[in-house]
Amino acid sequence: MLVEKATTVQDEIVNSGRGGANAKEFYNQNHTWAEGLISAAREVGW
């Protein structure tokens, strides 16, 4: 659920024009944030 919500927020940021041209570019610019989110989701899962 955490990953789904984060994906939704990322899409909202990209669609509003604040995050870059597309989702891939957003990820490239914000990979540390995304990797931190993935790490947090894994910890919650354990």
Protein backbone atom coordinates (compact mmCIF):
# COMPACT_ATOMS: atom_id res chain seq x y z
CA MET A 1 0.00 0.00 0.00
CA LEU A 2 2.92 2.36 0.78
CA VAL A 3 4.43 1.83 -2.68
CA GLU A 4 1.05 2.31 -4.37
CA LYS A 5 0.48 5.61 -2.55
CA ALA A 6 4.01 6.79 -3.35
CA THR A 7 3.46 5.96 -7.02
CA THR A 8 0.26 7.98 -6.98
CA VAL A 9 2.03 10.97 -5.42
CA GLN A 10 4.87 10.69 -7.95
CA ASP A 11 2.34 10.64 -10.80
CA GLU A 12 0.59 13.71 -9.37
CA ILE A 13 3.91 15.58 -9.16
CA VAL A 14 4.88 14.66 -12.72
CA ASN A 15 1.40 15.46 -14.11
CA SER A 16 1.39 18.86 -12.43
CA GLY A 17 4.64 19.73 -14.21
CA ARG A 18 6.70 20.05 -11.03
CA GLY A 19 8.66 16.80 -11.33
CA GLY A 20 10.08 16.87 -14.82
CA ALA A 21 8.94 15.71 -18.22
CA ASN A 22 7.92 12.17 -17.28
CA ALA A 23 8.05 9.53 -14.55
CA LYS A 24 11.45 8.21 -15.68
CA GLU A 25 13.00 11.66 -15.56
CA PHE A 26 11.44 12.24 -12.13
CA TYR A 27 13.01 9.01 -10.89
CA ASN A 28 16.39 9.93 -12.35
CA GLN A 29 16.31 13.29 -10.58
CA ASN A 30 14.95 11.89 -7.31
CA HIS A 31 16.43 8.39 -7.14
CA THR A 32 17.66 8.80 -3.57
CA TRP A 33 14.12 9.58 -2.42
CA ALA A 34 12.72 6.63 -4.38
CA GLU A 35 15.37 4.23 -3.08
CA GLY A 36 14.66 5.40 0.47
CA LEU A 37 10.98 4.74 -0.04
CA ILE A 38 11.68 1.24 -1.37
CA SER A 39 13.96 0.54 1.58
CA ALA A 40 11.31 1.74 4.03
CA ALA A 41 8.67 -0.42 2.37
CA ARG A 42 10.93 -3.46 2.66
CA GLU A 43 11.50 -2.81 6.36
CA VAL A 44 7.77 -2.48 6.97
CA GLY A 45 7.25 -5.74 5.09
CA TRP A 46 9.71 -7.60 7.30
